[in-house]
Amino acid sequence: METRIDLALVLAKPPLRALADVVLSWPEGEITIRRCAVFEKPGEPPWANLPRLPVDKDSKRVYVPLIEMQSNLRRRILDAVLDAYKKKVATTSSPGGSAQKCGATSVGPDDPTTADGSSHQGPLTAGAGDRGPAEQLGLSAGKGRRRRPNLIYSEGISE
């Protein structure tokens, strides 16, 4: 099974730092898990969660998982998301790196291409189709709708 991570750093209410789409591929097909969240508080290591739905229960907000899986698969996916996040943060905070960069790249085992051999380049923009986290960041601005968080940078990783 191959795992590809499309991760976008977001400007949102802390501790939310990034959103990721995870594509799991095998010969028979693929499945995409959209909107895995990465959180980080100052002085603490980052952590990731699979998609969850906030629900008000007894005047308290609780989060209900949207997808369940075996714990070893869950750990593998969340570790891949955290690795992608750490690489992204290192890239955007290194000399010459900038949080304003929008060029997206894919990092394979040996070269900057995705698993199918195509190069993933260009900015991640809201409304760019049903691929990537941009489409999943929220509803468009308008009466009674949330505004989309600003995207900083996107990167795909093949394992």
N, C-alpha and C. Protein backbone atom coordinates (compact mmCIF):
# COMPACT_ATOMS: atom_id res chain seq x y z
N MET A 1 0.84 -1.17 0.00
CA MET A 1 0.00 0.00 0.00
C MET A 1 0.89 1.24 0.00
N GLU A 2 0.53 2.20 -0.80
CA GLU A 2 1.26 3.46 -0.89
C GLU A 2 0.46 4.55 -0.19
N THR A 3 1.14 5.45 0.48
CA THR A 3 0.51 6.55 1.18
C THR A 3 1.02 7.87 0.60
N ARG A 4 0.09 8.77 0.27
CA ARG A 4 0.46 10.11 -0.19
C ARG A 4 -0.24 11.12 0.70
N ILE A 5 0.49 12.12 1.13
CA ILE A 5 -0.03 13.15 2.03
C ILE A 5 -0.02 14.48 1.29
N ASP A 6 -1.18 15.14 1.23
CA ASP A 6 -1.28 16.51 0.72
C ASP A 6 -1.59 17.37 1.93
N LEU A 7 -0.60 18.18 2.35
CA LEU A 7 -0.71 18.93 3.58
C LEU A 7 -0.65 20.42 3.30
N ALA A 8 -1.49 21.18 4.00
CA ALA A 8 -1.48 22.64 3.89
C ALA A 8 -1.39 23.23 5.28
N LEU A 9 -0.41 24.09 5.51
CA LEU A 9 -0.37 24.86 6.74
C LEU A 9 -1.50 25.87 6.66
N VAL A 10 -2.17 26.12 7.78
CA VAL A 10 -3.30 27.04 7.77
C VAL A 10 -3.12 28.11 8.83
N LEU A 11 -3.67 29.27 8.55
CA LEU A 11 -3.75 30.33 9.54
C LEU A 11 -5.14 30.21 10.14
N ALA A 12 -5.20 29.59 11.31
CA ALA A 12 -6.48 29.33 11.96
C ALA A 12 -6.29 29.52 13.46
N LYS A 13 -7.36 29.36 14.19
CA LYS A 13 -7.29 29.49 15.65
C LYS A 13 -6.38 28.41 16.22
N PRO A 14 -5.33 28.83 16.97
CA PRO A 14 -4.44 27.83 17.57
C PRO A 14 -5.23 26.92 18.51
N PRO A 15 -4.84 25.70 18.65
CA PRO A 15 -3.58 25.10 18.25
C PRO A 15 -3.59 24.47 16.85
N LEU A 16 -4.68 24.63 16.06
CA LEU A 16 -4.72 24.07 14.71
C LEU A 16 -3.62 24.70 13.86
N ARG A 17 -2.78 23.86 13.24
CA ARG A 17 -1.65 24.35 12.44
C ARG A 17 -1.71 23.92 10.98
N ALA A 18 -2.33 22.75 10.70
CA ALA A 18 -2.33 22.25 9.33
C ALA A 18 -3.50 21.29 9.12
N LEU A 19 -3.88 21.13 7.85
CA LEU A 19 -4.87 20.14 7.44
C LEU A 19 -4.25 19.30 6.35
N ALA A 20 -4.57 18.01 6.38
CA ALA A 20 -3.97 17.10 5.41
C ALA A 20 -5.01 16.15 4.84
N ASP A 21 -4.81 15.83 3.57
CA ASP A 21 -5.56 14.76 2.92
C ASP A 21 -4.59 13.59 2.77
N VAL A 22 -5.05 12.40 3.09
CA VAL A 22 -4.23 11.20 3.01
C VAL A 22 -4.84 10.30 1.95
N VAL A 23 -4.03 9.93 0.95
CA VAL A 23 -4.48 9.03 -0.11
C VAL A 23 -3.77 7.69 0.10
N LEU A 24 -4.57 6.66 0.32
CA LEU A 24 -4.04 5.30 0.45
C LEU A 24 -4.32 4.59 -0.85
N SER A 25 -3.26 4.11 -1.53
CA SER A 25 -3.40 3.47 -2.84
C SER A 25 -2.91 2.03 -2.78
N TRP A 26 -3.57 1.17 -3.50
CA TRP A 26 -3.16 -0.21 -3.69
C TRP A 26 -3.62 -0.61 -5.08
N PRO A 27 -3.22 -1.76 -5.60
CA PRO A 27 -3.53 -2.11 -6.99
C PRO A 27 -5.02 -2.06 -7.35
N GLU A 28 -5.88 -2.36 -6.40
CA GLU A 28 -7.31 -2.39 -6.69
C GLU A 28 -7.98 -1.03 -6.67
N GLY A 29 -7.31 -0.02 -6.14
CA GLY A 29 -7.92 1.31 -6.06
C GLY A 29 -7.27 2.16 -5.00
N GLU A 30 -7.99 3.20 -4.59
CA GLU A 30 -7.48 4.09 -3.57
C GLU A 30 -8.63 4.67 -2.76
N ILE A 31 -8.28 5.16 -1.59
CA ILE A 31 -9.24 5.85 -0.73
C ILE A 31 -8.56 7.11 -0.22
N THR A 32 -9.35 8.19 -0.12
CA THR A 32 -8.82 9.46 0.37
C THR A 32 -9.49 9.78 1.69
N ILE A 33 -8.67 10.07 2.68
CA ILE A 33 -9.16 10.53 3.98
C ILE A 33 -8.90 12.02 4.01
N ARG A 34 -9.95 12.80 3.97
CA ARG A 34 -9.83 14.25 3.90
C ARG A 34 -9.86 14.89 5.29
N ARG A 35 -9.09 15.92 5.40
CA ARG A 35 -9.10 16.83 6.53
C ARG A 35 -8.61 16.24 7.84
N CYS A 36 -7.49 15.55 7.79
CA CYS A 36 -6.81 15.18 9.03
C CYS A 36 -6.20 16.48 9.58
N ALA A 37 -6.31 16.68 10.87
CA ALA A 37 -5.85 17.94 11.47
C ALA A 37 -4.55 17.73 12.23
N VAL A 38 -3.67 18.73 12.15
CA VAL A 38 -2.43 18.74 12.91
C VAL A 38 -2.51 19.92 13.88
N PHE A 39 -2.22 19.63 15.13
CA PHE A 39 -2.27 20.63 16.19
C PHE A 39 -0.89 20.75 16.83
N GLU A 40 -0.59 21.96 17.35
CA GLU A 40 0.67 22.15 18.08
C GLU A 40 0.51 23.32 19.03
N LYS A 41 0.86 23.07 20.29
CA LYS A 41 0.88 24.12 21.30
C LYS A 41 2.33 24.48 21.58
N PRO A 42 2.60 25.73 21.95
CA PRO A 42 3.98 26.14 22.25
C PRO A 42 4.60 25.24 23.32
N GLY A 43 5.81 24.77 23.04
CA GLY A 43 6.54 23.96 23.99
C GLY A 43 6.12 22.49 24.03
N GLU A 44 5.17 22.09 23.18
CA GLU A 44 4.71 20.70 23.15
C GLU A 44 4.90 20.14 21.75
N PRO A 45 5.05 18.81 21.64
CA PRO A 45 5.17 18.22 20.31
C PRO A 45 3.82 18.27 19.58
N PRO A 46 3.85 18.34 18.25
CA PRO A 46 2.59 18.34 17.50
C PRO A 46 1.89 16.99 17.59
N TRP A 47 0.59 17.00 17.36
CA TRP A 47 -0.18 15.76 17.29
C TRP A 47 -1.18 15.88 16.16
N ALA A 48 -1.65 14.75 15.69
CA ALA A 48 -2.59 14.72 14.56
C ALA A 48 -3.80 13.88 14.92
N ASN A 49 -4.92 14.21 14.28
CA ASN A 49 -6.15 13.46 14.46
C ASN A 49 -6.75 13.15 13.10
N LEU A 50 -7.43 12.02 13.03
CA LEU A 50 -8.25 11.72 11.86
C LEU A 50 -9.46 12.66 11.91
N PRO A 51 -10.19 12.80 10.80
CA PRO A 51 -11.33 13.73 10.78
C PRO A 51 -12.34 13.41 11.88
N ARG A 52 -12.83 14.48 12.50
CA ARG A 52 -13.84 14.35 13.55
C ARG A 52 -14.91 15.41 13.34
N LEU A 53 -16.09 15.13 13.82
CA LEU A 53 -17.21 16.05 13.70
C LEU A 53 -17.54 16.62 15.07
N PRO A 54 -17.53 17.96 15.21
CA PRO A 54 -17.90 18.53 16.50
C PRO A 54 -19.42 18.45 16.70
N VAL A 55 -19.82 17.98 17.88
CA VAL A 55 -21.24 17.83 18.20
C VAL A 55 -21.47 18.39 19.60
N ASP A 56 -22.53 19.16 19.77
CA ASP A 56 -22.89 19.66 21.09
C ASP A 56 -23.74 18.61 21.79
N LYS A 57 -23.27 18.19 22.97
CA LYS A 57 -23.97 17.18 23.75
C LYS A 57 -23.98 17.63 25.19
N ASP A 58 -25.17 17.78 25.76
CA ASP A 58 -25.30 18.22 27.15
C ASP A 58 -24.54 19.53 27.38
N SER A 59 -24.71 20.46 26.49
CA SER A 59 -24.09 21.79 26.56
C SER A 59 -22.57 21.74 26.53
N LYS A 60 -22.02 20.65 26.03
CA LYS A 60 -20.56 20.50 25.87
C LYS A 60 -20.28 20.11 24.44
N ARG A 61 -19.16 20.58 23.92
CA ARG A 61 -18.74 20.19 22.58
C ARG A 61 -17.90 18.93 22.68
N VAL A 62 -18.33 17.90 21.97
CA VAL A 62 -17.57 16.65 21.89
C VAL A 62 -17.27 16.39 20.42
N TYR A 63 -16.23 15.61 20.15
CA TYR A 63 -15.81 15.33 18.79
C TYR A 63 -16.02 13.85 18.50
N VAL A 64 -16.81 13.57 17.46
CA VAL A 64 -17.15 12.21 17.08
C VAL A 64 -16.29 11.81 15.89
N PRO A 65 -15.60 10.66 15.97
CA PRO A 65 -14.78 10.23 14.84
C PRO A 65 -15.65 9.95 13.60
N LEU A 66 -15.14 10.34 12.44
CA LEU A 66 -15.86 10.09 11.19
C LEU A 66 -15.40 8.81 10.51
N ILE A 67 -14.26 8.29 10.92
CA ILE A 67 -13.73 7.08 10.32
C ILE A 67 -13.01 6.28 11.41
N GLU A 68 -13.18 4.97 11.36
CA GLU A 68 -12.49 4.11 12.31
C GLU A 68 -11.67 3.08 11.54
N MET A 69 -10.58 2.66 12.15
CA MET A 69 -9.70 1.67 11.52
C MET A 69 -8.87 0.99 12.59
N GLN A 70 -8.15 -0.04 12.19
CA GLN A 70 -7.27 -0.74 13.12
C GLN A 70 -6.22 0.24 13.66
N SER A 71 -5.83 0.02 14.91
CA SER A 71 -4.92 0.97 15.56
C SER A 71 -3.56 1.06 14.86
N ASN A 72 -3.04 -0.06 14.30
CA ASN A 72 -1.74 0.00 13.64
C ASN A 72 -1.82 0.83 12.35
N LEU A 73 -2.92 0.74 11.62
CA LEU A 73 -3.10 1.54 10.41
C LEU A 73 -3.29 3.01 10.78
N ARG A 74 -4.06 3.26 11.82
CA ARG A 74 -4.28 4.63 12.29
C ARG A 74 -2.94 5.26 12.67
N ARG A 75 -2.11 4.55 13.43
CA ARG A 75 -0.82 5.08 13.86
C ARG A 75 0.07 5.36 12.65
N ARG A 76 0.07 4.46 11.68
CA ARG A 76 0.89 4.65 10.47
C ARG A 76 0.46 5.91 9.71
N ILE A 77 -0.83 6.12 9.58
CA ILE A 77 -1.34 7.29 8.87
C ILE A 77 -1.00 8.57 9.62
N LEU A 78 -1.27 8.58 10.92
CA LEU A 78 -1.00 9.79 11.70
C LEU A 78 0.49 10.10 11.79
N ASP A 79 1.34 9.07 11.84
CA ASP A 79 2.79 9.30 11.81
C ASP A 79 3.22 9.92 10.48
N ALA A 80 2.63 9.46 9.38
CA ALA A 80 2.96 10.02 8.06
C ALA A 80 2.51 11.49 7.97
N VAL A 81 1.36 11.81 8.53
CA VAL A 81 0.87 13.19 8.55
C VAL A 81 1.82 14.07 9.38
N LEU A 82 2.23 13.57 10.53
CA LEU A 82 3.15 14.35 11.38
C LEU A 82 4.51 14.53 10.72
N ASP A 83 5.00 13.50 10.04
CA ASP A 83 6.28 13.64 9.32
C ASP A 83 6.17 14.71 8.23
N ALA A 84 5.06 14.71 7.50
CA ALA A 84 4.85 15.72 6.45
C ALA A 84 4.78 17.11 7.07
N TYR A 85 4.12 17.24 8.20
CA TYR A 85 4.02 18.53 8.89
C TYR A 85 5.40 19.03 9.33
N LYS A 86 6.18 18.14 9.94
CA LYS A 86 7.51 18.54 10.41
C LYS A 86 8.41 18.97 9.25
N LYS A 87 8.32 18.25 8.12
CA LYS A 87 9.10 18.64 6.94
C LYS A 87 8.65 19.99 6.41
N LYS A 88 7.35 20.22 6.40
CA LYS A 88 6.80 21.49 5.92
C LYS A 88 7.26 22.64 6.79
N VAL A 89 7.17 22.47 8.09
CA VAL A 89 7.58 23.52 9.01
C VAL A 89 9.07 23.80 8.87
N ALA A 90 9.87 22.75 8.75
CA ALA A 90 11.32 22.93 8.57
C ALA A 90 11.62 23.67 7.27
N THR A 91 10.87 23.38 6.22
CA THR A 91 11.07 24.02 4.92
C THR A 91 10.68 25.48 4.96
N THR A 92 9.54 25.79 5.59
CA THR A 92 9.06 27.17 5.59
C THR A 92 9.77 28.05 6.59
N SER A 93 10.45 27.45 7.59
CA SER A 93 11.15 28.27 8.57
C SER A 93 12.66 28.29 8.35
N SER A 94 13.14 27.56 7.32
CA SER A 94 14.57 27.55 7.05
C SER A 94 14.97 28.80 6.29
N PRO A 95 16.28 29.15 6.29
CA PRO A 95 16.72 30.31 5.51
C PRO A 95 16.34 30.10 4.05
N GLY A 96 15.73 31.11 3.48
CA GLY A 96 15.28 31.00 2.09
C GLY A 96 13.88 30.46 2.01
N GLY A 97 13.39 29.83 3.08
CA GLY A 97 12.01 29.37 3.12
C GLY A 97 11.15 30.50 3.63
N SER A 98 9.91 30.52 3.26
CA SER A 98 9.03 31.59 3.67
C SER A 98 7.63 31.08 3.83
N ALA A 99 6.94 31.59 4.83
CA ALA A 99 5.56 31.20 5.03
C ALA A 99 4.69 31.73 3.90
N GLN A 100 5.20 32.64 3.11
CA GLN A 100 4.41 33.18 2.01
C GLN A 100 4.54 32.35 0.74
N LYS A 101 5.42 31.37 0.72
CA LYS A 101 5.57 30.54 -0.46
C LYS A 101 4.30 29.76 -0.70
N CYS A 102 3.92 29.64 -1.95
CA CYS A 102 2.73 28.88 -2.28
C CYS A 102 3.03 27.77 -3.27
N GLY A 103 4.26 27.64 -3.73
CA GLY A 103 4.58 26.58 -4.68
C GLY A 103 4.48 25.23 -4.02
N ALA A 104 3.76 24.33 -4.62
CA ALA A 104 3.57 23.01 -4.03
C ALA A 104 4.54 22.03 -4.67
N THR A 105 5.07 21.14 -3.87
CA THR A 105 5.96 20.12 -4.40
C THR A 105 5.59 18.78 -3.81
N SER A 106 5.94 17.74 -4.51
CA SER A 106 5.77 16.39 -4.01
C SER A 106 7.15 15.81 -3.79
N VAL A 107 7.32 15.09 -2.72
CA VAL A 107 8.62 14.51 -2.42
C VAL A 107 8.47 13.00 -2.42
N GLY A 108 9.09 12.36 -3.39
CA GLY A 108 9.07 10.91 -3.47
C GLY A 108 10.30 10.36 -2.80
N PRO A 109 10.51 9.06 -2.89
CA PRO A 109 11.69 8.48 -2.27
C PRO A 109 12.99 9.03 -2.84
N ASP A 110 13.04 9.29 -4.16
CA ASP A 110 14.28 9.75 -4.77
C ASP A 110 14.15 11.01 -5.61
N ASP A 111 12.94 11.43 -5.95
CA ASP A 111 12.81 12.58 -6.82
C ASP A 111 11.53 13.35 -6.52
N PRO A 112 11.43 14.59 -7.03
CA PRO A 112 10.28 15.43 -6.73
C PRO A 112 9.09 15.15 -7.63
N THR A 113 8.61 13.94 -7.66
CA THR A 113 7.41 13.62 -8.44
C THR A 113 6.49 12.76 -7.60
N THR A 114 5.23 12.72 -8.00
CA THR A 114 4.28 11.87 -7.30
C THR A 114 4.48 10.43 -7.75
N ALA A 115 3.75 9.52 -7.13
CA ALA A 115 3.92 8.10 -7.42
C ALA A 115 3.61 7.77 -8.88
N ASP A 116 2.70 8.54 -9.51
CA ASP A 116 2.37 8.23 -10.90
C ASP A 116 3.34 8.88 -11.89
N GLY A 117 4.38 9.53 -11.36
CA GLY A 117 5.40 10.12 -12.22
C GLY A 117 5.14 11.56 -12.60
N SER A 118 3.96 12.08 -12.25
CA SER A 118 3.67 13.46 -12.62
C SER A 118 4.22 14.41 -11.56
N SER A 119 4.56 15.60 -11.97
CA SER A 119 5.06 16.60 -11.04
C SER A 119 3.88 17.37 -10.48
N HIS A 120 3.83 17.57 -9.17
CA HIS A 120 2.75 18.29 -8.51
C HIS A 120 3.28 19.67 -8.19
N GLN A 121 2.94 20.66 -9.01
CA GLN A 121 3.46 21.99 -8.80
C GLN A 121 2.35 23.01 -8.95
N GLY A 122 2.63 24.20 -8.46
CA GLY A 122 1.67 25.28 -8.54
C GLY A 122 1.07 25.56 -7.18
N PRO A 123 0.41 26.71 -7.05
CA PRO A 123 -0.12 27.09 -5.75
C PRO A 123 -1.34 26.26 -5.39
N LEU A 124 -1.54 26.07 -4.10
CA LEU A 124 -2.75 25.45 -3.59
C LEU A 124 -3.73 26.58 -3.39
N THR A 125 -4.82 26.59 -4.11
CA THR A 125 -5.79 27.67 -4.02
C THR A 125 -7.14 27.12 -3.65
N ALA A 126 -7.89 27.93 -2.95
CA ALA A 126 -9.24 27.53 -2.58
C ALA A 126 -10.05 27.33 -3.85
N GLY A 127 -10.86 26.29 -3.86
CA GLY A 127 -11.72 26.02 -5.00
C GLY A 127 -10.98 25.37 -6.15
N ALA A 128 -9.86 24.72 -5.89
CA ALA A 128 -9.06 24.12 -6.95
C ALA A 128 -9.53 22.72 -7.30
N GLY A 129 -10.81 22.46 -7.16
CA GLY A 129 -11.33 21.13 -7.46
C GLY A 129 -11.49 20.32 -6.20
N ASP A 130 -11.68 19.02 -6.36
CA ASP A 130 -11.93 18.19 -5.18
C ASP A 130 -10.65 17.55 -4.66
N ARG A 131 -9.49 17.99 -5.15
CA ARG A 131 -8.22 17.45 -4.65
C ARG A 131 -7.66 18.36 -3.59
N GLY A 132 -7.01 17.77 -2.62
CA GLY A 132 -6.28 18.53 -1.62
C GLY A 132 -7.16 19.13 -0.55
N PRO A 133 -6.54 19.64 0.49
CA PRO A 133 -7.28 20.15 1.62
C PRO A 133 -8.00 21.46 1.36
N ALA A 134 -7.64 22.20 0.32
CA ALA A 134 -8.27 23.50 0.08
C ALA A 134 -9.77 23.37 -0.05
N GLU A 135 -10.23 22.35 -0.74
CA GLU A 135 -11.66 22.16 -0.94
C GLU A 135 -12.37 21.81 0.36
N GLN A 136 -11.63 21.28 1.33
CA GLN A 136 -12.24 20.82 2.56
C GLN A 136 -12.11 21.80 3.72
N LEU A 137 -11.59 23.00 3.48
CA LEU A 137 -11.30 23.92 4.58
C LEU A 137 -12.53 24.62 5.13
N GLY A 138 -13.64 24.58 4.46
CA GLY A 138 -14.83 25.23 4.95
C GLY A 138 -15.64 25.77 3.80
N LEU A 139 -16.72 26.39 4.14
CA LEU A 139 -17.60 26.94 3.13
C LEU A 139 -17.11 28.31 2.69
N SER A 140 -17.53 28.74 1.50
CA SER A 140 -17.11 30.05 1.02
C SER A 140 -17.73 31.13 1.90
N ALA A 141 -17.12 32.30 1.87
CA ALA A 141 -17.61 33.40 2.68
C ALA A 141 -18.99 33.81 2.19
N GLY A 142 -19.83 34.16 3.09
CA GLY A 142 -21.18 34.59 2.74
C GLY A 142 -22.02 34.62 4.00
N LYS A 143 -23.25 35.06 3.87
CA LYS A 143 -24.11 35.17 5.04
C LYS A 143 -24.28 33.82 5.72
N GLY A 144 -23.95 33.77 6.99
CA GLY A 144 -24.11 32.55 7.76
C GLY A 144 -23.09 31.46 7.47
N ARG A 145 -22.03 31.80 6.75
CA ARG A 145 -21.02 30.80 6.41
C ARG A 145 -19.66 31.21 6.96
N ARG A 146 -18.85 30.20 7.24
CA ARG A 146 -17.50 30.46 7.73
C ARG A 146 -16.60 30.90 6.59
N ARG A 147 -15.60 31.69 6.93
CA ARG A 147 -14.58 32.06 5.95
C ARG A 147 -13.53 30.97 5.93
N ARG A 148 -12.92 30.76 4.79
CA ARG A 148 -11.83 29.78 4.67
C ARG A 148 -10.57 30.32 5.32
N PRO A 149 -9.86 29.48 6.09
CA PRO A 149 -8.56 29.92 6.61
C PRO A 149 -7.60 30.15 5.46
N ASN A 150 -6.64 31.04 5.66
CA ASN A 150 -5.64 31.29 4.63
C ASN A 150 -4.68 30.10 4.52
N LEU A 151 -4.41 29.68 3.30
CA LEU A 151 -3.47 28.60 3.07
C LEU A 151 -2.07 29.19 2.95
N ILE A 152 -1.10 28.47 3.45
CA ILE A 152 0.27 28.96 3.35
C ILE A 152 1.04 28.17 2.30
N TYR A 153 1.01 26.84 2.34
CA TYR A 153 1.90 26.07 1.53
C TYR A 153 1.38 24.64 1.46
N SER A 154 1.60 23.96 0.35
CA SER A 154 1.15 22.58 0.23
C SER A 154 2.28 21.69 -0.21
N GLU A 155 2.25 20.44 0.23
CA GLU A 155 3.29 19.49 -0.16
C GLU A 155 2.71 18.10 -0.15
N GLY A 156 3.02 17.31 -1.17
CA GLY A 156 2.61 15.92 -1.18
C GLY A 156 3.81 15.04 -0.88
N ILE A 157 3.59 13.96 -0.20
CA ILE A 157 4.68 13.06 0.14
C ILE A 157 4.26 11.65 -0.22
N SER A 158 5.09 10.95 -0.96
CA SER A 158 4.84 9.55 -1.30
C SER A 158 5.76 8.70 -0.47
N GLU A 159 5.22 7.59 0.01
CA GLU A 159 6.06 6.66 0.78
C GLU A 159 6.10 5.34 0.08
